[in-house]
PDB file of all heavy atoms in Angstrom:
ATOM      1  N   GLU A   1       0.807  -1.222   0.000  1.00  0.00           N
ATOM      2  CA  GLU A   1       0.000   0.000   0.000  1.00  0.00           C
ATOM      3  C   GLU A   1       0.839   1.271   0.000  1.00  0.00           C
ATOM      4  O   GLU A   1       0.300   2.381  -0.016  1.00  0.00           O
ATOM      5  CB  GLU A   1      -0.947   0.010   1.197  1.00  0.00           C
ATOM      6  CG  GLU A   1      -0.237   0.077   2.533  1.00  0.00           C
ATOM      7  CD  GLU A   1      -1.203   0.080   3.714  1.00  0.00           C
ATOM      8  OE1 GLU A   1      -2.316  -0.443   3.596  1.00  0.00           O
ATOM      9  OE2 GLU A   1      -0.814   0.623   4.761  1.00  0.00           O
ATOM     10  N   HIS A   2       2.147   1.140  -0.008  1.00  0.00           N
ATOM     11  CA  HIS A   2       3.027   2.309   0.067  1.00  0.00           C
ATOM     12  C   HIS A   2       3.732   2.580  -1.254  1.00  0.00           C
ATOM     13  O   HIS A   2       3.948   1.671  -2.061  1.00  0.00           O
ATOM     14  CB  HIS A   2       4.079   2.110   1.166  1.00  0.00           C
ATOM     15  CG  HIS A   2       3.474   2.025   2.524  1.00  0.00           C
ATOM     16  ND1 HIS A   2       3.309   0.836   3.184  1.00  0.00           N
ATOM     17  CD2 HIS A   2       2.975   2.985   3.336  1.00  0.00           C
ATOM     18  CE1 HIS A   2       2.732   1.067   4.357  1.00  0.00           C
ATOM     19  NE2 HIS A   2       2.516   2.362   4.465  1.00  0.00           N
ATOM     20  N   LEU A   3       4.107   3.831  -1.435  1.00  0.00           N
ATOM     21  CA  LEU A   3       4.934   4.243  -2.564  1.00  0.00           C
ATOM     22  C   LEU A   3       6.302   4.628  -2.021  1.00  0.00           C
ATOM     23  O   LEU A   3       6.394   5.362  -1.033  1.00  0.00           O
ATOM     24  CB  LEU A   3       4.305   5.430  -3.291  1.00  0.00           C
ATOM     25  CG  LEU A   3       2.954   5.197  -3.933  1.00  0.00           C
ATOM     26  CD1 LEU A   3       2.451   6.479  -4.588  1.00  0.00           C
ATOM     27  CD2 LEU A   3       3.021   4.072  -4.952  1.00  0.00           C
ATOM     28  N   HIS A   4       7.317   4.116  -2.662  1.00  0.00           N
ATOM     29  CA  HIS A   4       8.690   4.408  -2.250  1.00  0.00           C
ATOM     30  C   HIS A   4       9.446   5.033  -3.412  1.00  0.00           C
ATOM     31  O   HIS A   4       9.266   4.616  -4.567  1.00  0.00           O
ATOM     32  CB  HIS A   4       9.426   3.124  -1.835  1.00  0.00           C
ATOM     33  CG  HIS A   4       8.833   2.433  -0.663  1.00  0.00           C
ATOM     34  ND1 HIS A   4       9.095   2.810   0.621  1.00  0.00           N
ATOM     35  CD2 HIS A   4       7.978   1.385  -0.585  1.00  0.00           C
ATOM     36  CE1 HIS A   4       8.433   2.017   1.453  1.00  0.00           C
ATOM     37  NE2 HIS A   4       7.735   1.144   0.744  1.00  0.00           N
ATOM     38  N   PRO A   5      10.327   5.985  -3.136  1.00  0.00           N
ATOM     39  CA  PRO A   5      11.173   6.515  -4.208  1.00  0.00           C
ATOM     40  C   PRO A   5      12.184   5.453  -4.619  1.00  0.00           C
ATOM     41  O   PRO A   5      12.689   4.701  -3.783  1.00  0.00           O
ATOM     42  CB  PRO A   5      11.859   7.714  -3.569  1.00  0.00           C
ATOM     43  CG  PRO A   5      11.762   7.495  -2.102  1.00  0.00           C
ATOM     44  CD  PRO A   5      10.560   6.640  -1.860  1.00  0.00           C
ATOM     45  N   THR A   6      12.454   5.386  -5.903  1.00  0.00           N
ATOM     46  CA  THR A   6      13.467   4.470  -6.403  1.00  0.00           C
ATOM     47  C   THR A   6      14.831   5.148  -6.314  1.00  0.00           C
ATOM     48  O   THR A   6      14.922   6.355  -6.053  1.00  0.00           O
ATOM     49  CB  THR A   6      13.186   4.091  -7.865  1.00  0.00           C
ATOM     50  OG1 THR A   6      13.281   5.284  -8.656  1.00  0.00           O
ATOM     51  CG2 THR A   6      11.819   3.432  -8.030  1.00  0.00           C
ATOM     52  N   ALA A   7      15.874   4.373  -6.568  1.00  0.00           N
ATOM     53  CA  ALA A   7      17.216   4.959  -6.616  1.00  0.00           C
ATOM     54  C   ALA A   7      17.267   6.035  -7.700  1.00  0.00           C
ATOM     55  O   ALA A   7      17.863   7.100  -7.501  1.00  0.00           O
ATOM     56  CB  ALA A   7      18.255   3.876  -6.871  1.00  0.00           C
ATOM     57  N   ALA A   8      16.622   5.770  -8.826  1.00  0.00           N
ATOM     58  CA  ALA A   8      16.590   6.769  -9.911  1.00  0.00           C
ATOM     59  C   ALA A   8      15.875   8.036  -9.464  1.00  0.00           C
ATOM     60  O   ALA A   8      16.295   9.148  -9.812  1.00  0.00           O
ATOM     61  CB  ALA A   8      15.914   6.179 -11.145  1.00  0.00           C
ATOM     62  N   GLY A   9      14.812   7.897  -8.684  1.00  0.00           N
ATOM     63  CA  GLY A   9      14.096   9.061  -8.166  1.00  0.00           C
ATOM     64  C   GLY A   9      14.960   9.874  -7.220  1.00  0.00           C
ATOM     65  O   GLY A   9      14.998  11.110  -7.291  1.00  0.00           O
ATOM     66  N   ARG A  10      15.667   9.177  -6.349  1.00  0.00           N
ATOM     67  CA  ARG A  10      16.561   9.863  -5.412  1.00  0.00           C
ATOM     68  C   ARG A  10      17.700  10.563  -6.156  1.00  0.00           C
ATOM     69  O   ARG A  10      18.074  11.693  -5.836  1.00  0.00           O
ATOM     70  CB  ARG A  10      17.118   8.883  -4.386  1.00  0.00           C
ATOM     71  CG  ARG A  10      16.082   8.393  -3.395  1.00  0.00           C
ATOM     72  CD  ARG A  10      16.699   7.391  -2.398  1.00  0.00           C
ATOM     73  NE  ARG A  10      15.682   6.820  -1.565  1.00  0.00           N
ATOM     74  CZ  ARG A  10      15.132   7.423  -0.507  1.00  0.00           C
ATOM     75  NH1 ARG A  10      15.523   8.619  -0.171  1.00  0.00           N
ATOM     76  NH2 ARG A  10      14.201   6.821   0.201  1.00  0.00           N
ATOM     77  N   GLU A  11      18.244   9.885  -7.159  1.00  0.00           N
ATOM     78  CA  GLU A  11      19.334  10.473  -7.944  1.00  0.00           C
ATOM     79  C   GLU A  11      18.850  11.711  -8.700  1.00  0.00           C
ATOM     80  O   GLU A  11      19.581  12.702  -8.802  1.00  0.00           O
ATOM     81  CB  GLU A  11      19.900   9.441  -8.922  1.00  0.00           C
ATOM     82  CG  GLU A  11      20.683   8.335  -8.242  1.00  0.00           C
ATOM     83  CD  GLU A  11      21.002   7.164  -9.163  1.00  0.00           C
ATOM     84  OE1 GLU A  11      20.803   7.282 -10.400  1.00  0.00           O
ATOM     85  OE2 GLU A  11      21.452   6.128  -8.644  1.00  0.00           O
ATOM     86  N   LEU A  12      17.640  11.658  -9.212  1.00  0.00           N
ATOM     87  CA  LEU A  12      17.086  12.793  -9.943  1.00  0.00           C
ATOM     88  C   LEU A  12      16.942  14.008  -9.036  1.00  0.00           C
ATOM     89  O   LEU A  12      17.365  15.121  -9.396  1.00  0.00           O
ATOM     90  CB  LEU A  12      15.739  12.426 -10.555  1.00  0.00           C
ATOM     91  CG  LEU A  12      15.000  13.564 -11.257  1.00  0.00           C
ATOM     92  CD1 LEU A  12      15.768  14.043 -12.476  1.00  0.00           C
ATOM     93  CD2 LEU A  12      13.617  13.130 -11.651  1.00  0.00           C
ATOM     94  N   ILE A  13      16.368  13.809  -7.873  1.00  0.00           N
ATOM     95  CA  ILE A  13      16.198  14.929  -6.938  1.00  0.00           C
ATOM     96  C   ILE A  13      17.556  15.463  -6.496  1.00  0.00           C
ATOM     97  O   ILE A  13      17.741  16.689  -6.376  1.00  0.00           O
ATOM     98  CB  ILE A  13      15.317  14.512  -5.738  1.00  0.00           C
ATOM     99  CG1 ILE A  13      13.883  14.254  -6.193  1.00  0.00           C
ATOM    100  CG2 ILE A  13      15.369  15.555  -4.620  1.00  0.00           C
ATOM    101  CD1 ILE A  13      13.171  15.463  -6.807  1.00  0.00           C
ATOM    102  N   ALA A  14      18.529  14.581  -6.282  1.00  0.00           N
ATOM    103  CA  ALA A  14      19.877  15.023  -5.917  1.00  0.00           C
ATOM    104  C   ALA A  14      20.506  15.827  -7.055  1.00  0.00           C
ATOM    105  O   ALA A  14      21.149  16.866  -6.809  1.00  0.00           O
ATOM    106  CB  ALA A  14      20.748  13.824  -5.557  1.00  0.00           C
ATOM    107  N   ALA A  15      20.321  15.386  -8.291  1.00  0.00           N
ATOM    108  CA  ALA A  15      20.888  16.104  -9.441  1.00  0.00           C
ATOM    109  C   ALA A  15      20.255  17.474  -9.593  1.00  0.00           C
ATOM    110  O   ALA A  15      20.956  18.467  -9.851  1.00  0.00           O
ATOM    111  CB  ALA A  15      20.699  15.272 -10.713  1.00  0.00           C
ATOM    112  N   VAL A  16      18.934  17.547  -9.427  1.00  0.00           N
ATOM    113  CA  VAL A  16      18.240  18.838  -9.513  1.00  0.00           C
ATOM    114  C   VAL A  16      18.738  19.760  -8.402  1.00  0.00           C
ATOM    115  O   VAL A  16      19.004  20.942  -8.630  1.00  0.00           O
ATOM    116  CB  VAL A  16      16.708  18.652  -9.460  1.00  0.00           C
ATOM    117  CG1 VAL A  16      15.995  19.975  -9.236  1.00  0.00           C
ATOM    118  CG2 VAL A  16      16.207  17.974 -10.735  1.00  0.00           C
ATOM    119  N   GLY A  17      18.881  19.221  -7.198  1.00  0.00           N
ATOM    120  CA  GLY A  17      19.388  20.022  -6.079  1.00  0.00           C
ATOM    121  C   GLY A  17      20.799  20.534  -6.333  1.00  0.00           C
ATOM    122  O   GLY A  17      21.092  21.706  -6.059  1.00  0.00           O
ATOM    123  N   ALA A  18      21.655  19.683  -6.874  1.00  0.00           N
ATOM    124  CA  ALA A  18      23.022  20.098  -7.169  1.00  0.00           C
ATOM    125  C   ALA A  18      23.050  21.170  -8.254  1.00  0.00           C
ATOM    126  O   ALA A  18      23.863  22.104  -8.193  1.00  0.00           O
ATOM    127  CB  ALA A  18      23.850  18.884  -7.600  1.00  0.00           C
ATOM    128  N   GLU A  19      22.171  21.056  -9.220  1.00  0.00           N
ATOM    129  CA  GLU A  19      22.130  22.024 -10.314  1.00  0.00           C
ATOM    130  C   GLU A  19      21.546  23.364  -9.873  1.00  0.00           C
ATOM    131  O   GLU A  19      21.963  24.411 -10.354  1.00  0.00           O
ATOM    132  CB  GLU A  19      21.313  21.437 -11.464  1.00  0.00           C
ATOM    133  CG  GLU A  19      21.587  22.068 -12.793  1.00  0.00           C
ATOM    134  CD  GLU A  19      20.961  21.308 -13.940  1.00  0.00           C
ATOM    135  OE1 GLU A  19      20.884  20.066 -13.901  1.00  0.00           O
ATOM    136  OE2 GLU A  19      20.540  21.992 -14.893  1.00  0.00           O
ATOM    137  N   THR A  20      20.575  23.325  -8.966  1.00  0.00           N
ATOM    138  CA  THR A  20      19.946  24.575  -8.532  1.00  0.00           C
ATOM    139  C   THR A  20      20.685  25.249  -7.380  1.00  0.00           C
ATOM    140  O   THR A  20      20.477  26.447  -7.150  1.00  0.00           O
ATOM    141  CB  THR A  20      18.475  24.347  -8.120  1.00  0.00           C
ATOM    142  OG1 THR A  20      18.417  23.370  -7.083  1.00  0.00           O
ATOM    143  CG2 THR A  20      17.631  23.922  -9.305  1.00  0.00           C
ATOM    144  N   ALA A  21      21.548  24.531  -6.677  1.00  0.00           N
ATOM    145  CA  ALA A  21      22.241  25.105  -5.518  1.00  0.00           C
ATOM    146  C   ALA A  21      23.024  26.379  -5.855  1.00  0.00           C
ATOM    147  O   ALA A  21      22.885  27.390  -5.152  1.00  0.00           O
ATOM    148  CB  ALA A  21      23.144  24.069  -4.858  1.00  0.00           C
ATOM    149  N   PRO A  22      23.836  26.392  -6.915  1.00  0.00           N
ATOM    150  CA  PRO A  22      24.574  27.633  -7.186  1.00  0.00           C
ATOM    151  C   PRO A  22      23.658  28.776  -7.622  1.00  0.00           C
ATOM    152  O   PRO A  22      23.924  29.942  -7.313  1.00  0.00           O
ATOM    153  CB  PRO A  22      25.562  27.256  -8.292  1.00  0.00           C
ATOM    154  CG  PRO A  22      25.127  25.940  -8.825  1.00  0.00           C
ATOM    155  CD  PRO A  22      24.242  25.311  -7.798  1.00  0.00           C
ATOM    156  N   VAL A  23      22.577  28.453  -8.302  1.00  0.00           N
ATOM    157  CA  VAL A  23      21.618  29.478  -8.708  1.00  0.00           C
ATOM    158  C   VAL A  23      20.939  30.057  -7.465  1.00  0.00           C
ATOM    159  O   VAL A  23      20.801  31.278  -7.319  1.00  0.00           O
ATOM    160  CB  VAL A  23      20.575  28.905  -9.692  1.00  0.00           C
ATOM    161  CG1 VAL A  23      19.517  29.927 -10.035  1.00  0.00           C
ATOM    162  CG2 VAL A  23      21.248  28.374 -10.946  1.00  0.00           C
ATOM    163  N   SER A  24      20.518  29.172  -6.563  1.00  0.00           N
ATOM    164  CA  SER A  24      19.895  29.630  -5.311  1.00  0.00           C
ATOM    165  C   SER A  24      20.854  30.502  -4.514  1.00  0.00           C
ATOM    166  O   SER A  24      20.445  31.517  -3.927  1.00  0.00           O
ATOM    167  CB  SER A  24      19.458  28.432  -4.469  1.00  0.00           C
ATOM    168  OG  SER A  24      18.408  27.751  -5.099  1.00  0.00           O
ATOM    169  N   ALA A  25      22.120  30.123  -4.505  1.00  0.00           N
ATOM    170  CA  ALA A  25      23.110  30.923  -3.778  1.00  0.00           C
ATOM    171  C   ALA A  25      23.225  32.319  -4.381  1.00  0.00           C
ATOM    172  O   ALA A  25      23.344  33.307  -3.647  1.00  0.00           O
ATOM    173  CB  ALA A  25      24.462  30.214  -3.787  1.00  0.00           C
ATOM    174  N   ARG A  26      23.158  32.409  -5.710  1.00  0.00           N
ATOM    175  CA  ARG A  26      23.226  33.725  -6.346  1.00  0.00           C
ATOM    176  C   ARG A  26      21.961  34.539  -6.066  1.00  0.00           C
ATOM    177  O   ARG A  26      22.021  35.749  -5.859  1.00  0.00           O
ATOM    178  CB  ARG A  26      23.431  33.578  -7.857  1.00  0.00           C
ATOM    179  CG  ARG A  26      24.832  33.132  -8.239  1.00  0.00           C
ATOM    180  CD  ARG A  26      25.099  33.262  -9.728  1.00  0.00           C
ATOM    181  NE  ARG A  26      24.221  32.459 -10.570  1.00  0.00           N
ATOM    182  CZ  ARG A  26      24.447  31.192 -10.908  1.00  0.00           C
ATOM    183  NH1 ARG A  26      25.506  30.552 -10.433  1.00  0.00           N
ATOM    184  NH2 ARG A  26      23.609  30.558 -11.710  1.00  0.00           N
ATOM    185  N   ILE A  27      20.817  33.879  -6.047  1.00  0.00           N
ATOM    186  CA  ILE A  27      19.551  34.581  -5.811  1.00  0.00           C
ATOM    187  C   ILE A  27      19.450  35.063  -4.362  1.00  0.00           C
ATOM    188  O   ILE A  27      19.086  36.207  -4.100  1.00  0.00           O
ATOM    189  CB  ILE A  27      18.355  33.674  -6.175  1.00  0.00           C
ATOM    190  CG1 ILE A  27      18.317  33.456  -7.699  1.00  0.00           C
ATOM    191  CG2 ILE A  27      17.045  34.273  -5.667  1.00  0.00           C
ATOM    192  CD1 ILE A  27      17.330  32.382  -8.149  1.00  0.00           C
ATOM    193  N   TRP A  28      19.778  34.191  -3.419  1.00  0.00           N
ATOM    194  CA  TRP A  28      19.599  34.506  -2.002  1.00  0.00           C
ATOM    195  C   TRP A  28      20.832  35.122  -1.350  1.00  0.00           C
ATOM    196  O   TRP A  28      20.731  35.738  -0.286  1.00  0.00           O
ATOM    197  CB  TRP A  28      19.210  33.238  -1.234  1.00  0.00           C
ATOM    198  CG  TRP A  28      17.835  32.773  -1.572  1.00  0.00           C
ATOM    199  CD1 TRP A  28      17.477  31.889  -2.550  1.00  0.00           C
ATOM    200  CD2 TRP A  28      16.622  33.189  -0.957  1.00  0.00           C
ATOM    201  NE1 TRP A  28      16.117  31.727  -2.573  1.00  0.00           N
ATOM    202  CE2 TRP A  28      15.562  32.504  -1.609  1.00  0.00           C
ATOM    203  CE3 TRP A  28      16.320  34.061   0.074  1.00  0.00           C
ATOM    204  CZ2 TRP A  28      14.228  32.678  -1.247  1.00  0.00           C
ATOM    205  CZ3 TRP A  28      14.993  34.225   0.437  1.00  0.00           C
ATOM    206  CH2 TRP A  28      13.974  33.543  -0.223  1.00  0.00           C
ATOM    207  N   GLY A  29      21.987  34.957  -1.978  1.00  0.00           N
ATOM    208  CA  GLY A  29      23.238  35.429  -1.381  1.00  0.00           C
ATOM    209  C   GLY A  29      23.249  36.927  -1.146  1.00  0.00           C
ATOM    210  O   GLY A  29      22.727  37.712  -1.936  1.00  0.00           O
ATOM    211  N   GLY A  30      23.835  37.324  -0.049  1.00  0.00           N
ATOM    212  CA  GLY A  30      24.002  38.732   0.246  1.00  0.00           C
ATOM    213  C   GLY A  30      22.794  39.414   0.866  1.00  0.00           C
ATOM    214  O   GLY A  30      22.859  40.599   1.192  1.00  0.00           O
ATOM    215  N   ILE A  31      21.695  38.699   1.014  1.00  0.00           N
ATOM    216  CA  ILE A  31      20.535  39.294   1.686  1.00  0.00           C
ATOM    217  C   ILE A  31      20.796  39.206   3.190  1.00  0.00           C
ATOM    218  O   ILE A  31      21.064  38.126   3.715  1.00  0.00           O
ATOM    219  CB  ILE A  31      19.223  38.567   1.307  1.00  0.00           C
ATOM    220  CG1 ILE A  31      18.982  38.653  -0.199  1.00  0.00           C
ATOM    221  CG2 ILE A  31      18.047  39.153   2.085  1.00  0.00           C
ATOM    222  CD1 ILE A  31      17.801  37.829  -0.692  1.00  0.00           C
ATOM    223  N   PRO A  32      20.727  40.329   3.886  1.00  0.00           N
ATOM    224  CA  PRO A  32      21.008  40.315   5.332  1.00  0.00           C
ATOM    225  C   PRO A  32      20.094  39.351   6.088  1.00  0.00           C
ATOM    226  O   PRO A  32      18.905  39.218   5.776  1.00  0.00           O
ATOM    227  CB  PRO A  32      20.756  41.762   5.773  1.00  0.00           C
ATOM    228  CG  PRO A  32      20.918  42.569   4.519  1.00  0.00           C
ATOM    229  CD  PRO A  32      20.428  41.673   3.400  1.00  0.00           C
ATOM    230  N   ALA A  33      20.659  38.701   7.085  1.00  0.00           N
ATOM    231  CA  ALA A  33      19.922  37.714   7.879  1.00  0.00           C
ATOM    232  C   ALA A  33      18.654  38.320   8.489  1.00  0.00           C
ATOM    233  O   ALA A  33      17.615  37.655   8.534  1.00  0.00           O
ATOM    234  CB  ALA A  33      20.818  37.132   8.975  1.00  0.00           C
ATOM    235  N   GLU A  34      18.728  39.556   8.930  1.00  0.00           N
ATOM    236  CA  GLU A  34      17.547  40.163   9.552  1.00  0.00           C
ATOM    237  C   GLU A  34      16.433  40.391   8.512  1.00  0.00           C
ATOM    238  O   GLU A  34      15.256  40.292   8.836  1.00  0.00           O
ATOM    239  CB  GLU A  34      17.878  41.461  10.298  1.00  0.00           C
ATOM    240  CG  GLU A  34      18.481  42.554   9.449  1.00  0.00           C
ATOM    241  CD  GLU A  34      20.012  42.502   9.312  1.00  0.00           C
ATOM    242  OE1 GLU A  34      20.638  41.518   9.728  1.00  0.00           O
ATOM    243  OE2 GLU A  34      20.565  43.475   8.770  1.00  0.00           O
ATOM    244  N   ASP A  35      16.810  40.664   7.280  1.00  0.00           N
ATOM    245  CA  ASP A  35      15.807  40.798   6.216  1.00  0.00           C
ATOM    246  C   ASP A  35      15.169  39.450   5.912  1.00  0.00           C
ATOM    247  O   ASP A  35      13.954  39.357   5.703  1.00  0.00           O
ATOM    248  CB  ASP A  35      16.423  41.375   4.941  1.00  0.00           C
ATOM    249  CG  ASP A  35      16.799  42.840   5.069  1.00  0.00           C
ATOM    250  OD1 ASP A  35      16.404  43.480   6.077  1.00  0.00           O
ATOM    251  OD2 ASP A  35      17.489  43.346   4.166  1.00  0.00           O
ATOM    252  N   LEU A  36      15.987  38.411   5.869  1.00  0.00           N
ATOM    253  CA  LEU A  36      15.446  37.070   5.631  1.00  0.00           C
ATOM    254  C   LEU A  36      14.518  36.648   6.759  1.00  0.00           C
ATOM    255  O   LEU A  36      13.465  36.045   6.518  1.00  0.00           O
ATOM    256  CB  LEU A  36      16.582  36.054   5.458  1.00  0.00           C
ATOM    257  CG  LEU A  36      17.422  36.222   4.194  1.00  0.00           C
ATOM    258  CD1 LEU A  36      18.612  35.270   4.222  1.00  0.00           C
ATOM    259  CD2 LEU A  36      16.585  36.007   2.945  1.00  0.00           C
ATOM    260  N   ALA A  37      14.889  36.972   7.986  1.00  0.00           N
ATOM    261  CA  ALA A  37      14.045  36.628   9.134  1.00  0.00           C
ATOM    262  C   ALA A  37      12.709  37.371   9.058  1.00  0.00           C
ATOM    263  O   ALA A  37      11.640  36.783   9.288  1.00  0.00           O
ATOM    264  CB  ALA A  37      14.765  36.929  10.445  1.00  0.00           C
ATOM    265  N   ALA A  38      12.747  38.654   8.728  1.00  0.00           N
ATOM    266  CA  ALA A  38      11.507  39.435   8.621  1.00  0.00           C
ATOM    267  C   ALA A  38      10.639  38.897   7.489  1.00  0.00           C
ATOM    268  O   ALA A  38       9.426  38.726   7.650  1.00  0.00           O
ATOM    269  CB  ALA A  38      11.830  40.909   8.395  1.00  0.00           C
TER     270      ALA A  38
END
């Protein structure tokens, strides 16, 4: 009755995360912590 991610599913999400990490860093980088908290 359960659905489980396959190794391919896990690898896909990891690849997407690795590809988006530097973009996210550029988008969010340099924003002051207090601004992010607010």
